[in-house]
Amino acid sequence: MRLLAHNTLRNNAHDVRSENGGYPLKITATEVRVDDASDINDLSPEKQEAFVKGVLGILDWNTLVQGASQMGLKTLPPILTNELASDPTFLRALYHVLMNVHLVRGVLTCPDTGREFPVSNGIANFMLEEEECENVRMN
């Protein structure tokens, strides 16, 4: 699971009633993989920069910094400045963090309910038990 994906995930169970609605999920990593950017047939540097510029507006920066830290990456600045957001070197480095850092195995924990969602082989299991879902039945 990429840090980019983590930035959008939340617990959607009906018992989550806080202002943040089960967001952000805390990462407890037991296995992290960082792909070497030079080994990947990836986008050109210009396309990487354009991609990051396109997602900056929807990223929750605090959640990204927190998630990266929980996965052992302590290098992201606590505040995203306009200067950084227009720096090509920073944008390419941020692309690497968003796309090449993977949670392979671990747990995502809801900050509201404490519900744990296991991550195995990079895939988070968000299956809810029937009693965790809203009571919606087809008649």
Protein backbone atom coordinates (compact mmCIF):
# COMPACT_ATOMS: atom_id res chain seq x y z
CA MET A 1 0.00 0.00 0.00
CA ARG A 2 1.44 3.34 -1.03
CA LEU A 3 1.52 6.39 1.22
CA LEU A 4 -0.58 8.12 -1.44
CA ALA A 5 -3.34 5.54 -0.86
CA HIS A 6 -3.05 5.80 2.93
CA ASN A 7 -3.73 9.54 2.66
CA THR A 8 -7.29 8.81 1.50
CA LEU A 9 -8.25 5.84 3.68
CA ARG A 10 -10.65 5.97 6.61
CA ASN A 11 -12.81 3.68 8.73
CA ASN A 12 -16.32 3.80 7.28
CA ALA A 13 -18.05 1.77 9.99
CA HIS A 14 -21.30 3.28 11.26
CA ASP A 15 -20.00 3.65 14.84
CA VAL A 16 -17.42 6.25 13.74
CA ARG A 17 -19.02 9.53 14.71
CA SER A 18 -16.13 11.91 15.32
CA GLU A 19 -15.51 15.12 13.41
CA ASN A 20 -12.69 13.45 11.44
CA GLY A 21 -14.71 10.31 10.72
CA GLY A 22 -12.14 7.57 11.32
CA TYR A 23 -9.30 9.55 9.75
CA PRO A 24 -6.33 9.35 9.62
CA LEU A 25 -5.59 5.70 10.21
CA LYS A 26 -2.50 5.04 12.32
CA ILE A 27 0.11 2.86 10.64
CA THR A 28 1.87 0.13 12.58
CA ALA A 29 4.36 -1.24 10.07
CA THR A 30 5.98 -4.63 10.38
CA GLU A 31 7.33 -4.66 6.81
CA VAL A 32 8.01 -1.68 4.56
CA ARG A 33 9.41 -1.78 1.04
CA VAL A 34 11.11 1.19 -0.59
CA ASP A 35 11.56 0.69 -4.31
CA ASP A 36 14.72 2.12 -5.81
CA ALA A 37 13.57 4.75 -8.27
CA SER A 38 16.44 3.92 -10.62
CA ASP A 39 15.22 0.30 -10.92
CA ILE A 40 11.71 1.29 -11.95
CA ASN A 41 10.66 2.07 -15.51
CA ASP A 42 8.81 5.13 -14.35
CA LEU A 43 7.69 8.54 -15.53
CA SER A 44 10.13 11.16 -16.73
CA PRO A 45 11.18 13.71 -14.07
CA GLU A 46 8.92 16.31 -15.70
CA LYS A 47 5.91 13.98 -15.51
CA GLN A 48 6.72 13.11 -11.90
CA GLU A 49 6.73 16.82 -11.04
CA ALA A 50 3.44 17.37 -12.89
CA PHE A 51 1.86 14.39 -11.11
CA VAL A 52 2.84 15.67 -7.66
CA LYS A 53 1.67 19.20 -8.47
CA GLY A 54 -1.67 17.67 -9.48
CA VAL A 55 -2.17 15.79 -6.20
CA LEU A 56 -0.81 18.41 -3.79
CA GLY A 57 -4.22 20.08 -3.62
CA ILE A 58 -5.94 16.92 -2.38
CA LEU A 59 -3.20 15.60 -0.08
CA ASP A 60 -3.60 16.06 3.65
CA TRP A 61 -0.01 17.11 4.36
CA ASN A 62 -0.14 16.42 8.12
CA THR A 63 -1.45 12.91 7.46
CA LEU A 64 1.29 12.30 4.89
CA VAL A 65 4.01 13.43 7.30
CA GLN A 66 2.51 11.33 10.11
CA GLY A 67 2.15 8.24 7.89
CA ALA A 68 5.68 8.58 6.53
CA SER A 69 7.01 8.90 10.07
CA GLN A 70 5.08 5.80 11.18
CA MET A 71 6.77 3.93 8.32
CA GLY A 72 10.22 5.10 9.39
CA LEU A 73 10.63 8.10 7.06
CA LYS A 74 11.42 11.19 9.08
CA THR A 75 12.59 13.46 6.24
CA LEU A 76 9.37 15.22 5.17
CA PRO A 77 9.13 18.82 6.34
CA PRO A 78 6.35 19.50 8.86
CA ILE A 79 4.95 22.30 6.68
CA LEU A 80 4.64 22.39 2.91
CA THR A 81 5.68 25.87 1.79
CA ASN A 82 4.98 27.46 -1.59
CA GLU A 83 8.73 27.39 -2.26
CA LEU A 84 8.86 23.62 -1.75
CA ALA A 85 5.72 23.11 -3.83
CA SER A 86 7.47 24.74 -6.78
CA ASP A 87 10.92 23.19 -6.29
CA PRO A 88 11.49 20.48 -8.97
CA THR A 89 13.98 18.55 -6.82
CA PHE A 90 11.55 18.46 -3.89
CA LEU A 91 8.65 17.44 -6.15
CA ARG A 92 10.63 14.49 -7.56
CA ALA A 93 11.63 13.42 -4.03
CA LEU A 94 8.00 13.67 -2.92
CA TYR A 95 6.95 11.56 -5.91
CA HIS A 96 9.36 8.90 -4.67
CA VAL A 97 7.81 9.00 -1.18
CA LEU A 98 4.25 8.84 -2.52
CA MET A 99 4.77 6.15 -5.12
CA ASN A 100 7.79 4.04 -4.13
CA VAL A 101 7.29 3.58 -0.38
CA HIS A 102 4.98 0.65 0.34
CA LEU A 103 3.44 -0.75 3.51
CA VAL A 104 3.79 -4.47 2.80
CA ARG A 105 2.64 -5.84 6.14
CA GLY A 106 1.22 -4.21 9.24
CA VAL A 107 -1.93 -2.79 10.75
CA LEU A 108 -4.01 0.35 10.17
CA THR A 109 -5.81 1.48 13.34
CA CYS A 110 -8.88 3.72 13.47
CA PRO A 111 -8.26 6.71 15.73
CA ASP A 112 -11.93 6.75 16.82
CA THR A 113 -12.82 3.13 17.46
CA GLY A 114 -9.45 1.42 17.79
CA ARG A 115 -10.56 -1.05 15.09
CA GLU A 116 -7.55 -2.63 13.45
CA PHE A 117 -7.37 -3.36 9.73
CA PRO A 118 -4.60 -5.79 8.76
CA VAL A 119 -2.36 -5.13 5.78
CA SER A 120 -0.92 -8.16 4.04
CA ASN A 121 1.07 -8.17 0.81
CA GLY A 122 0.37 -4.45 0.52
CA ILE A 123 -3.42 -4.86 0.62
CA ALA A 124 -5.49 -3.47 3.49
CA ASN A 125 -8.44 -5.61 4.60
CA PHE A 126 -11.35 -3.28 5.32
CA MET A 127 -14.04 -5.94 5.46
CA LEU A 128 -16.47 -5.03 8.20
CA GLU A 129 -18.42 -7.48 10.27
CA GLU A 130 -22.19 -7.36 9.70
CA GLU A 131 -22.82 -5.71 13.07
CA GLU A 132 -20.39 -2.92 12.14
CA CYS A 133 -22.45 -1.93 9.10
CA GLU A 134 -25.52 0.26 9.10
CA ASN A 135 -28.71 -1.71 9.20
CA VAL A 136 -29.71 -1.51 5.55
CA ARG A 137 -31.79 -4.34 4.15
CA MET A 138 -33.42 -4.86 0.83
CA ASN A 139 -37.16 -5.68 1.09
